[in-house]
All heavy atoms as atom14 arrays in JSON, in Angstrom:
{
  "sequence": "GFVYYDPGIKLENASNPKSVPKKRSQFRVNHKHLNALYKELEFINVA",
  "atom14_mask": [
    [1, 1, 1, 1, 0, 0, 0, 0, 0, 0, 0, 0, 0, 0],
    [1, 1, 1, 1, 1, 1, 1, 1, 1, 1, 1, 0, 0, 0],
    [1, 1, 1, 1, 1, 1, 1, 0, 0, 0, 0, 0, 0, 0],
    [1, 1, 1, 1, 1, 1, 1, 1, 1, 1, 1, 1, 0, 0],
    [1, 1, 1, 1, 1, 1, 1, 1, 1, 1, 1, 1, 0, 0],
    [1, 1, 1, 1, 1, 1, 1, 1, 0, 0, 0, 0, 0, 0],
    [1, 1, 1, 1, 1, 1, 1, 0, 0, 0, 0, 0, 0, 0],
    [1, 1, 1, 1, 0, 0, 0, 0, 0, 0, 0, 0, 0, 0],
    [1, 1, 1, 1, 1, 1, 1, 1, 0, 0, 0, 0, 0, 0],
    [1, 1, 1, 1, 1, 1, 1, 1, 1, 0, 0, 0, 0, 0],
    [1, 1, 1, 1, 1, 1, 1, 1, 0, 0, 0, 0, 0, 0],
    [1, 1, 1, 1, 1, 1, 1, 1, 1, 0, 0, 0, 0, 0],
    [1, 1, 1, 1, 1, 1, 1, 1, 0, 0, 0, 0, 0, 0],
    [1, 1, 1, 1, 1, 0, 0, 0, 0, 0, 0, 0, 0, 0],
    [1, 1, 1, 1, 1, 1, 0, 0, 0, 0, 0, 0, 0, 0],
    [1, 1, 1, 1, 1, 1, 1, 1, 0, 0, 0, 0, 0, 0],
    [1, 1, 1, 1, 1, 1, 1, 0, 0, 0, 0, 0, 0, 0],
    [1, 1, 1, 1, 1, 1, 1, 1, 1, 0, 0, 0, 0, 0],
    [1, 1, 1, 1, 1, 1, 0, 0, 0, 0, 0, 0, 0, 0],
    [1, 1, 1, 1, 1, 1, 1, 0, 0, 0, 0, 0, 0, 0],
    [1, 1, 1, 1, 1, 1, 1, 0, 0, 0, 0, 0, 0, 0],
    [1, 1, 1, 1, 1, 1, 1, 1, 1, 0, 0, 0, 0, 0],
    [1, 1, 1, 1, 1, 1, 1, 1, 1, 0, 0, 0, 0, 0],
    [1, 1, 1, 1, 1, 1, 1, 1, 1, 1, 1, 0, 0, 0],
    [1, 1, 1, 1, 1, 1, 0, 0, 0, 0, 0, 0, 0, 0],
    [1, 1, 1, 1, 1, 1, 1, 1, 1, 0, 0, 0, 0, 0],
    [1, 1, 1, 1, 1, 1, 1, 1, 1, 1, 1, 0, 0, 0],
    [1, 1, 1, 1, 1, 1, 1, 1, 1, 1, 1, 0, 0, 0],
    [1, 1, 1, 1, 1, 1, 1, 0, 0, 0, 0, 0, 0, 0],
    [1, 1, 1, 1, 1, 1, 1, 1, 0, 0, 0, 0, 0, 0],
    [1, 1, 1, 1, 1, 1, 1, 1, 1, 1, 0, 0, 0, 0],
    [1, 1, 1, 1, 1, 1, 1, 1, 1, 0, 0, 0, 0, 0],
    [1, 1, 1, 1, 1, 1, 1, 1, 1, 1, 0, 0, 0, 0],
    [1, 1, 1, 1, 1, 1, 1, 1, 0, 0, 0, 0, 0, 0],
    [1, 1, 1, 1, 1, 1, 1, 1, 0, 0, 0, 0, 0, 0],
    [1, 1, 1, 1, 1, 0, 0, 0, 0, 0, 0, 0, 0, 0],
    [1, 1, 1, 1, 1, 1, 1, 1, 0, 0, 0, 0, 0, 0],
    [1, 1, 1, 1, 1, 1, 1, 1, 1, 1, 1, 1, 0, 0],
    [1, 1, 1, 1, 1, 1, 1, 1, 1, 0, 0, 0, 0, 0],
    [1, 1, 1, 1, 1, 1, 1, 1, 1, 0, 0, 0, 0, 0],
    [1, 1, 1, 1, 1, 1, 1, 1, 0, 0, 0, 0, 0, 0],
    [1, 1, 1, 1, 1, 1, 1, 1, 1, 0, 0, 0, 0, 0],
    [1, 1, 1, 1, 1, 1, 1, 1, 1, 1, 1, 0, 0, 0],
    [1, 1, 1, 1, 1, 1, 1, 1, 0, 0, 0, 0, 0, 0],
    [1, 1, 1, 1, 1, 1, 1, 1, 0, 0, 0, 0, 0, 0],
    [1, 1, 1, 1, 1, 1, 1, 0, 0, 0, 0, 0, 0, 0],
    [1, 1, 1, 1, 1, 0, 0, 0, 0, 0, 0, 0, 0, 0]
  ],
  "atom14_positions": [
    [[58.34, 69.15, 185.77], [59.31, 68.51, 186.64], [60.54, 69.34, 186.96], [61.49, 68.84, 187.58], [0.0, 0.0, 0.0], [0.0, 0.0, 0.0], [0.0, 0.0, 0.0], [0.0, 0.0, 0.0], [0.0, 0.0, 0.0], [0.0, 0.0, 0.0], [0.0, 0.0, 0.0], [0.0, 0.0, 0.0], [0.0, 0.0, 0.0], [0.0, 0.0, 0.0]],
    [[60.54, 70.61, 186.56], [61.69, 71.48, 186.84], [61.64, 72.0, 188.28], [62.66, 72.2, 188.91], [61.73, 72.65, 185.87], [61.74, 72.26, 184.42], [61.15, 73.07, 183.46], [62.33, 71.07, 184.02], [61.16, 72.71, 182.13], [62.34, 70.7, 182.68], [61.74, 71.53, 181.73], [0.0, 0.0, 0.0], [0.0, 0.0, 0.0], [0.0, 0.0, 0.0]],
    [[60.42, 72.26, 188.77], [60.21, 72.75, 190.13], [59.53, 71.63, 190.92], [58.63, 70.96, 190.41], [59.32, 74.01, 190.14], [59.04, 74.47, 191.58], [59.98, 75.13, 189.35], [0.0, 0.0, 0.0], [0.0, 0.0, 0.0], [0.0, 0.0, 0.0], [0.0, 0.0, 0.0], [0.0, 0.0, 0.0], [0.0, 0.0, 0.0], [0.0, 0.0, 0.0]],
    [[59.97, 71.42, 192.14], [59.42, 70.31, 192.93], [59.39, 70.67, 194.41], [60.03, 71.63, 194.86], [60.24, 69.04, 192.7], [61.73, 69.21, 192.9], [62.32, 68.99, 194.14], [62.55, 69.6, 191.84], [63.67, 69.16, 194.34], [63.91, 69.78, 192.02], [64.47, 69.56, 193.26], [65.83, 69.73, 193.45], [0.0, 0.0, 0.0], [0.0, 0.0, 0.0]],
    [[58.64, 69.89, 195.14], [58.52, 70.05, 196.6], [59.57, 69.16, 197.25], [59.63, 67.96, 197.0], [57.11, 69.65, 197.03], [56.87, 69.68, 198.53], [57.14, 70.81, 199.29], [56.35, 68.56, 199.19], [56.91, 70.84, 200.65], [56.1, 68.58, 200.55], [56.39, 69.72, 201.28], [56.15, 69.75, 202.63], [0.0, 0.0, 0.0], [0.0, 0.0, 0.0]],
    [[60.41, 69.74, 198.08], [61.53, 69.02, 198.67], [61.61, 69.35, 200.16], [62.48, 70.11, 200.6], [62.83, 69.41, 197.96], [64.01, 68.57, 198.4], [63.79, 67.47, 198.96], [65.16, 69.0, 198.19], [0.0, 0.0, 0.0], [0.0, 0.0, 0.0], [0.0, 0.0, 0.0], [0.0, 0.0, 0.0], [0.0, 0.0, 0.0], [0.0, 0.0, 0.0]],
    [[60.7, 68.79, 200.97], [60.64, 69.16, 202.39], [61.76, 68.53, 203.21], [62.37, 67.53, 202.8], [59.28, 68.61, 202.82], [59.1, 67.4, 201.94], [59.7, 67.77, 200.62], [0.0, 0.0, 0.0], [0.0, 0.0, 0.0], [0.0, 0.0, 0.0], [0.0, 0.0, 0.0], [0.0, 0.0, 0.0], [0.0, 0.0, 0.0], [0.0, 0.0, 0.0]],
    [[62.01, 69.11, 204.35], [62.94, 68.55, 205.32], [62.33, 68.73, 206.7], [62.81, 69.55, 207.48], [0.0, 0.0, 0.0], [0.0, 0.0, 0.0], [0.0, 0.0, 0.0], [0.0, 0.0, 0.0], [0.0, 0.0, 0.0], [0.0, 0.0, 0.0], [0.0, 0.0, 0.0], [0.0, 0.0, 0.0], [0.0, 0.0, 0.0], [0.0, 0.0, 0.0]],
    [[61.28, 67.99, 206.98], [60.54, 68.13, 208.24], [60.93, 66.99, 209.17], [60.97, 65.84, 208.75], [59.03, 68.11, 207.99], [58.64, 69.14, 206.92], [58.26, 68.39, 209.28], [57.22, 69.02, 206.44], [0.0, 0.0, 0.0], [0.0, 0.0, 0.0], [0.0, 0.0, 0.0], [0.0, 0.0, 0.0], [0.0, 0.0, 0.0], [0.0, 0.0, 0.0]],
    [[61.26, 67.32, 210.4], [61.64, 66.27, 211.34], [60.91, 66.45, 212.68], [60.57, 67.56, 213.07], [63.15, 66.26, 211.56], [63.71, 67.48, 212.25], [65.22, 67.36, 212.44], [65.8, 68.58, 213.15], [67.26, 68.48, 213.33], [0.0, 0.0, 0.0], [0.0, 0.0, 0.0], [0.0, 0.0, 0.0], [0.0, 0.0, 0.0], [0.0, 0.0, 0.0]],
    [[60.69, 65.32, 213.34], [60.02, 65.31, 214.64], [60.86, 64.47, 215.6], [60.85, 63.24, 215.53], [58.6, 64.73, 214.5], [57.76, 64.71, 215.78], [57.47, 66.14, 216.25], [56.45, 63.95, 215.55], [0.0, 0.0, 0.0], [0.0, 0.0, 0.0], [0.0, 0.0, 0.0], [0.0, 0.0, 0.0], [0.0, 0.0, 0.0], [0.0, 0.0, 0.0]],
    [[61.61, 65.14, 216.46], [62.41, 64.45, 217.46], [61.55, 64.17, 218.69], [60.57, 64.86, 218.94], [63.63, 65.29, 217.8], [64.57, 65.48, 216.61], [65.73, 66.41, 216.9], [65.53, 67.34, 217.72], [66.81, 66.23, 216.31], [0.0, 0.0, 0.0], [0.0, 0.0, 0.0], [0.0, 0.0, 0.0], [0.0, 0.0, 0.0], [0.0, 0.0, 0.0]],
    [[61.94, 63.16, 219.45], [61.12, 62.72, 220.58], [59.68, 62.46, 220.13], [58.71, 62.92, 220.74], [61.14, 63.75, 221.71], [62.54, 64.03, 222.23], [63.31, 63.09, 222.45], [62.88, 65.29, 222.41], [0.0, 0.0, 0.0], [0.0, 0.0, 0.0], [0.0, 0.0, 0.0], [0.0, 0.0, 0.0], [0.0, 0.0, 0.0], [0.0, 0.0, 0.0]],
    [[59.58, 61.74, 219.03], [58.28, 61.54, 218.39], [57.27, 60.84, 219.28], [56.05, 61.03, 219.13], [58.47, 60.75, 217.09], [0.0, 0.0, 0.0], [0.0, 0.0, 0.0], [0.0, 0.0, 0.0], [0.0, 0.0, 0.0], [0.0, 0.0, 0.0], [0.0, 0.0, 0.0], [0.0, 0.0, 0.0], [0.0, 0.0, 0.0], [0.0, 0.0, 0.0]],
    [[57.73, 60.06, 220.24], [56.8, 59.35, 221.12], [56.18, 60.28, 222.16], [55.19, 59.92, 222.8], [57.53, 58.21, 221.83], [58.61, 58.71, 222.61], [0.0, 0.0, 0.0], [0.0, 0.0, 0.0], [0.0, 0.0, 0.0], [0.0, 0.0, 0.0], [0.0, 0.0, 0.0], [0.0, 0.0, 0.0], [0.0, 0.0, 0.0], [0.0, 0.0, 0.0]],
    [[56.76, 61.45, 222.31], [56.22, 62.43, 223.25], [55.11, 63.21, 222.55], [55.36, 63.88, 221.55], [57.32, 63.38, 223.71], [56.84, 64.39, 224.75], [55.65, 64.6, 224.94], [57.79, 65.02, 225.43], [0.0, 0.0, 0.0], [0.0, 0.0, 0.0], [0.0, 0.0, 0.0], [0.0, 0.0, 0.0], [0.0, 0.0, 0.0], [0.0, 0.0, 0.0]],
    [[53.88, 63.15, 223.02], [52.77, 63.83, 222.33], [52.94, 65.35, 222.28], [52.27, 66.02, 221.49], [51.54, 63.43, 223.15], [52.06, 63.0, 224.48], [53.4, 62.41, 224.23], [0.0, 0.0, 0.0], [0.0, 0.0, 0.0], [0.0, 0.0, 0.0], [0.0, 0.0, 0.0], [0.0, 0.0, 0.0], [0.0, 0.0, 0.0], [0.0, 0.0, 0.0]],
    [[53.82, 65.89, 223.11], [54.02, 67.34, 223.13], [55.23, 67.79, 222.3], [55.57, 68.97, 222.29], [54.19, 67.83, 224.57], [52.95, 67.65, 225.43], [53.15, 68.24, 226.82], [51.88, 68.07, 227.66], [52.06, 68.65, 229.03], [0.0, 0.0, 0.0], [0.0, 0.0, 0.0], [0.0, 0.0, 0.0], [0.0, 0.0, 0.0], [0.0, 0.0, 0.0]],
    [[55.88, 66.87, 221.63], [57.06, 67.23, 220.84], [56.67, 68.15, 219.68], [55.59, 68.03, 219.11], [57.76, 65.98, 220.31], [56.89, 65.25, 219.46], [0.0, 0.0, 0.0], [0.0, 0.0, 0.0], [0.0, 0.0, 0.0], [0.0, 0.0, 0.0], [0.0, 0.0, 0.0], [0.0, 0.0, 0.0], [0.0, 0.0, 0.0], [0.0, 0.0, 0.0]],
    [[57.55, 69.08, 219.36], [57.3, 70.08, 218.34], [58.19, 69.81, 217.13], [59.41, 69.68, 217.27], [57.58, 71.5, 218.87], [57.36, 72.55, 217.79], [56.69, 71.79, 220.09], [0.0, 0.0, 0.0], [0.0, 0.0, 0.0], [0.0, 0.0, 0.0], [0.0, 0.0, 0.0], [0.0, 0.0, 0.0], [0.0, 0.0, 0.0], [0.0, 0.0, 0.0]],
    [[57.62, 69.7, 215.93], [58.43, 69.4, 214.76], [59.24, 70.61, 214.28], [58.86, 71.75, 214.51], [57.38, 69.01, 213.7], [56.17, 69.78, 214.1], [56.19, 69.82, 215.61], [0.0, 0.0, 0.0], [0.0, 0.0, 0.0], [0.0, 0.0, 0.0], [0.0, 0.0, 0.0], [0.0, 0.0, 0.0], [0.0, 0.0, 0.0], [0.0, 0.0, 0.0]],
    [[60.34, 70.33, 213.62], [61.09, 71.36, 212.93], [60.58, 71.39, 211.5], [60.67, 70.41, 210.77], [62.59, 71.07, 212.95], [63.42, 72.15, 212.27], [64.9, 71.86, 212.34], [65.69, 72.97, 211.65], [67.16, 72.69, 211.68], [0.0, 0.0, 0.0], [0.0, 0.0, 0.0], [0.0, 0.0, 0.0], [0.0, 0.0, 0.0], [0.0, 0.0, 0.0]],
    [[60.03, 72.55, 211.1], [59.35, 72.64, 209.8], [60.29, 73.17, 208.72], [61.06, 74.1, 208.96], [58.13, 73.56, 209.92], [57.14, 73.14, 210.99], [56.05, 74.17, 211.14], [55.09, 73.82, 212.28], [54.04, 74.86, 212.45], [0.0, 0.0, 0.0], [0.0, 0.0, 0.0], [0.0, 0.0, 0.0], [0.0, 0.0, 0.0], [0.0, 0.0, 0.0]],
    [[60.2, 72.59, 207.55], [60.9, 73.13, 206.39], [60.21, 72.63, 205.12], [60.49, 71.57, 204.61], [62.38, 72.74, 206.37], [63.18, 73.51, 205.31], [64.65, 73.12, 205.32], [64.83, 71.76, 204.79], [66.01, 71.15, 204.71], [67.1, 71.75, 205.12], [66.09, 69.91, 204.23], [0.0, 0.0, 0.0], [0.0, 0.0, 0.0], [0.0, 0.0, 0.0]],
    [[59.26, 73.41, 204.66], [58.55, 73.07, 203.42], [59.11, 73.96, 202.32], [58.85, 75.16, 202.3], [57.05, 73.31, 203.58], [56.48, 72.36, 204.45], [0.0, 0.0, 0.0], [0.0, 0.0, 0.0], [0.0, 0.0, 0.0], [0.0, 0.0, 0.0], [0.0, 0.0, 0.0], [0.0, 0.0, 0.0], [0.0, 0.0, 0.0], [0.0, 0.0, 0.0]],
    [[59.87, 73.39, 201.42], [60.51, 74.22, 200.41], [60.24, 73.72, 198.99], [60.15, 72.52, 198.74], [62.01, 74.31, 200.66], [62.73, 72.97, 200.7], [64.2, 73.12, 201.09], [64.67, 74.19, 201.44], [64.94, 72.03, 201.01], [0.0, 0.0, 0.0], [0.0, 0.0, 0.0], [0.0, 0.0, 0.0], [0.0, 0.0, 0.0], [0.0, 0.0, 0.0]],
    [[60.1, 74.68, 198.11], [59.99, 74.4, 196.68], [61.31, 74.78, 196.04], [61.83, 75.88, 196.23], [58.84, 75.18, 196.06], [57.49, 74.66, 196.45], [56.88, 75.06, 197.63], [56.83, 73.74, 195.65], [55.64, 74.57, 198.0], [55.59, 73.23, 196.01], [54.99, 73.65, 197.19], [0.0, 0.0, 0.0], [0.0, 0.0, 0.0], [0.0, 0.0, 0.0]],
    [[61.86, 73.84, 195.27], [63.19, 74.03, 194.7], [63.14, 73.85, 193.19], [62.19, 73.3, 192.64], [64.18, 73.05, 195.32], [64.12, 73.0, 196.84], [65.16, 72.08, 197.42], [66.44, 72.77, 197.57], [67.56, 72.18, 197.93], [67.56, 70.86, 198.16], [68.67, 72.86, 198.07], [0.0, 0.0, 0.0], [0.0, 0.0, 0.0], [0.0, 0.0, 0.0]],
    [[64.19, 74.31, 192.54], [64.3, 74.18, 191.09], [65.66, 73.59, 190.76], [66.67, 73.93, 191.38], [64.11, 75.54, 190.38], [65.2, 76.53, 190.77], [64.08, 75.38, 188.86], [0.0, 0.0, 0.0], [0.0, 0.0, 0.0], [0.0, 0.0, 0.0], [0.0, 0.0, 0.0], [0.0, 0.0, 0.0], [0.0, 0.0, 0.0], [0.0, 0.0, 0.0]],
    [[65.68, 72.67, 189.81], [66.94, 72.19, 189.26], [67.59, 73.38, 188.56], [67.02, 73.98, 187.66], [66.66, 71.06, 188.26], [67.92, 70.39, 187.78], [68.93, 71.04, 187.55], [67.85, 69.08, 187.61], [0.0, 0.0, 0.0], [0.0, 0.0, 0.0], [0.0, 0.0, 0.0], [0.0, 0.0, 0.0], [0.0, 0.0, 0.0], [0.0, 0.0, 0.0]],
    [[68.78, 73.75, 188.98], [69.36, 75.03, 188.56], [69.46, 75.16, 187.04], [69.29, 76.26, 186.5], [70.73, 75.21, 189.19], [71.18, 76.63, 189.21], [70.86, 77.52, 190.21], [71.9, 77.35, 188.31], [71.37, 78.7, 189.94], [72.01, 78.63, 188.8], [0.0, 0.0, 0.0], [0.0, 0.0, 0.0], [0.0, 0.0, 0.0], [0.0, 0.0, 0.0]],
    [[69.69, 74.07, 186.35], [69.84, 74.17, 184.89], [68.53, 74.5, 184.19], [68.53, 74.81, 182.99], [70.44, 72.89, 184.33], [69.52, 71.66, 184.44], [70.22, 70.44, 183.88], [69.33, 69.19, 183.99], [70.01, 67.98, 183.46], [0.0, 0.0, 0.0], [0.0, 0.0, 0.0], [0.0, 0.0, 0.0], [0.0, 0.0, 0.0], [0.0, 0.0, 0.0]],
    [[67.42, 74.46, 184.94], [66.12, 74.77, 184.35], [65.57, 76.12, 184.81], [64.37, 76.38, 184.68], [65.11, 73.67, 184.69], [65.42, 72.35, 184.04], [65.62, 72.21, 182.69], [65.56, 71.11, 184.59], [65.87, 70.94, 182.42], [65.84, 70.25, 183.55], [0.0, 0.0, 0.0], [0.0, 0.0, 0.0], [0.0, 0.0, 0.0], [0.0, 0.0, 0.0]],
    [[66.42, 76.99, 185.32], [65.97, 78.32, 185.73], [65.3, 79.07, 184.59], [64.38, 79.86, 184.79], [67.17, 79.16, 186.23], [67.53, 79.09, 187.71], [68.74, 79.96, 187.97], [66.37, 79.51, 188.59], [0.0, 0.0, 0.0], [0.0, 0.0, 0.0], [0.0, 0.0, 0.0], [0.0, 0.0, 0.0], [0.0, 0.0, 0.0], [0.0, 0.0, 0.0]],
    [[65.78, 78.81, 183.37], [65.23, 79.53, 182.21], [63.74, 79.28, 182.02], [63.04, 80.09, 181.4], [65.99, 79.13, 180.93], [65.83, 77.66, 180.61], [66.05, 76.8, 181.47], [65.48, 77.35, 179.39], [0.0, 0.0, 0.0], [0.0, 0.0, 0.0], [0.0, 0.0, 0.0], [0.0, 0.0, 0.0], [0.0, 0.0, 0.0], [0.0, 0.0, 0.0]],
    [[63.21, 78.17, 182.58], [61.79, 77.88, 182.44], [60.92, 78.81, 183.28], [59.72, 78.91, 183.06], [61.51, 76.43, 182.84], [0.0, 0.0, 0.0], [0.0, 0.0, 0.0], [0.0, 0.0, 0.0], [0.0, 0.0, 0.0], [0.0, 0.0, 0.0], [0.0, 0.0, 0.0], [0.0, 0.0, 0.0], [0.0, 0.0, 0.0], [0.0, 0.0, 0.0]],
    [[61.55, 79.52, 184.22], [60.79, 80.38, 185.14], [60.82, 81.85, 184.76], [60.15, 82.66, 185.39], [61.33, 80.22, 186.56], [61.23, 78.81, 187.16], [61.85, 78.8, 188.54], [59.79, 78.35, 187.21], [0.0, 0.0, 0.0], [0.0, 0.0, 0.0], [0.0, 0.0, 0.0], [0.0, 0.0, 0.0], [0.0, 0.0, 0.0], [0.0, 0.0, 0.0]],
    [[61.59, 82.2, 183.75], [61.73, 83.61, 183.37], [61.57, 83.79, 181.87], [61.94, 82.93, 181.08], [63.11, 84.14, 183.79], [63.31, 84.14, 185.28], [63.98, 83.09, 185.91], [62.79, 85.16, 186.07], [64.14, 83.07, 187.29], [62.96, 85.15, 187.45], [63.63, 84.11, 188.05], [63.77, 84.09, 189.41], [0.0, 0.0, 0.0], [0.0, 0.0, 0.0]],
    [[61.01, 84.92, 181.53], [60.88, 85.24, 180.12], [62.25, 85.48, 179.5], [62.45, 85.25, 178.3], [59.97, 86.47, 179.94], [58.53, 86.23, 180.38], [57.65, 87.43, 180.13], [56.19, 87.1, 180.43], [55.89, 87.16, 181.86], [0.0, 0.0, 0.0], [0.0, 0.0, 0.0], [0.0, 0.0, 0.0], [0.0, 0.0, 0.0], [0.0, 0.0, 0.0]],
    [[63.19, 85.95, 180.31], [64.56, 86.14, 179.83], [65.53, 85.77, 180.94], [65.4, 86.24, 182.07], [64.8, 87.58, 179.4], [66.19, 87.82, 178.82], [66.39, 89.22, 178.3], [65.49, 90.07, 178.49], [67.45, 89.49, 177.71], [0.0, 0.0, 0.0], [0.0, 0.0, 0.0], [0.0, 0.0, 0.0], [0.0, 0.0, 0.0], [0.0, 0.0, 0.0]],
    [[66.5, 84.9, 180.64], [67.55, 84.54, 181.58], [68.89, 84.81, 180.9], [69.23, 84.18, 179.91], [67.45, 83.08, 182.0], [68.44, 82.63, 183.08], [68.11, 83.3, 184.42], [68.44, 81.12, 183.24], [0.0, 0.0, 0.0], [0.0, 0.0, 0.0], [0.0, 0.0, 0.0], [0.0, 0.0, 0.0], [0.0, 0.0, 0.0], [0.0, 0.0, 0.0]],
    [[69.63, 85.77, 181.45], [70.92, 86.17, 180.88], [72.05, 85.56, 181.7], [72.0, 85.53, 182.92], [71.08, 87.68, 180.89], [70.04, 88.45, 180.11], [70.24, 89.94, 180.26], [71.15, 90.5, 179.6], [69.52, 90.55, 181.07], [0.0, 0.0, 0.0], [0.0, 0.0, 0.0], [0.0, 0.0, 0.0], [0.0, 0.0, 0.0], [0.0, 0.0, 0.0]],
    [[73.09, 85.1, 181.01], [74.31, 84.63, 181.65], [75.37, 85.71, 181.44], [75.75, 86.02, 180.31], [74.75, 83.29, 181.05], [73.78, 82.17, 181.31], [72.68, 81.98, 180.47], [73.95, 81.31, 182.38], [71.77, 80.96, 180.7], [73.04, 80.29, 182.61], [71.96, 80.11, 181.78], [0.0, 0.0, 0.0], [0.0, 0.0, 0.0], [0.0, 0.0, 0.0]],
    [[75.83, 86.29, 182.55], [76.66, 87.48, 182.47], [77.95, 87.27, 183.29], [77.89, 86.83, 184.43], [75.92, 88.72, 183.01], [74.66, 88.97, 182.17], [76.82, 89.95, 183.0], [73.76, 90.04, 182.76], [0.0, 0.0, 0.0], [0.0, 0.0, 0.0], [0.0, 0.0, 0.0], [0.0, 0.0, 0.0], [0.0, 0.0, 0.0], [0.0, 0.0, 0.0]],
    [[79.07, 87.6, 182.68], [80.35, 87.65, 183.38], [80.56, 89.09, 183.81], [80.88, 89.95, 182.98], [81.48, 87.17, 182.47], [82.84, 87.22, 183.15], [82.96, 87.65, 184.29], [83.88, 86.76, 182.43], [0.0, 0.0, 0.0], [0.0, 0.0, 0.0], [0.0, 0.0, 0.0], [0.0, 0.0, 0.0], [0.0, 0.0, 0.0], [0.0, 0.0, 0.0]],
    [[80.4, 89.38, 185.1], [80.49, 90.77, 185.56], [81.91, 91.31, 185.47], [82.12, 92.52, 185.55], [79.96, 90.92, 187.0], [78.48, 90.6, 187.07], [80.76, 90.06, 187.99], [0.0, 0.0, 0.0], [0.0, 0.0, 0.0], [0.0, 0.0, 0.0], [0.0, 0.0, 0.0], [0.0, 0.0, 0.0], [0.0, 0.0, 0.0], [0.0, 0.0, 0.0]],
    [[82.89, 90.4, 185.3], [84.28, 90.83, 185.21], [84.74, 91.04, 183.77], [85.88, 91.45, 183.54], [85.19, 89.8, 185.89], [0.0, 0.0, 0.0], [0.0, 0.0, 0.0], [0.0, 0.0, 0.0], [0.0, 0.0, 0.0], [0.0, 0.0, 0.0], [0.0, 0.0, 0.0], [0.0, 0.0, 0.0], [0.0, 0.0, 0.0], [0.0, 0.0, 0.0]]
  ]
}
């Protein structure tokens, strides 16, 4: 459940058979769970 599918697809003028959807299929991660995707996750203060 750390990574999920979070689309934002819309179809304006939906009643028009020729209307073209705006596509956005995205996979996202809850930022606090980034460590689940890497063998090593470092928190670094560059300053």
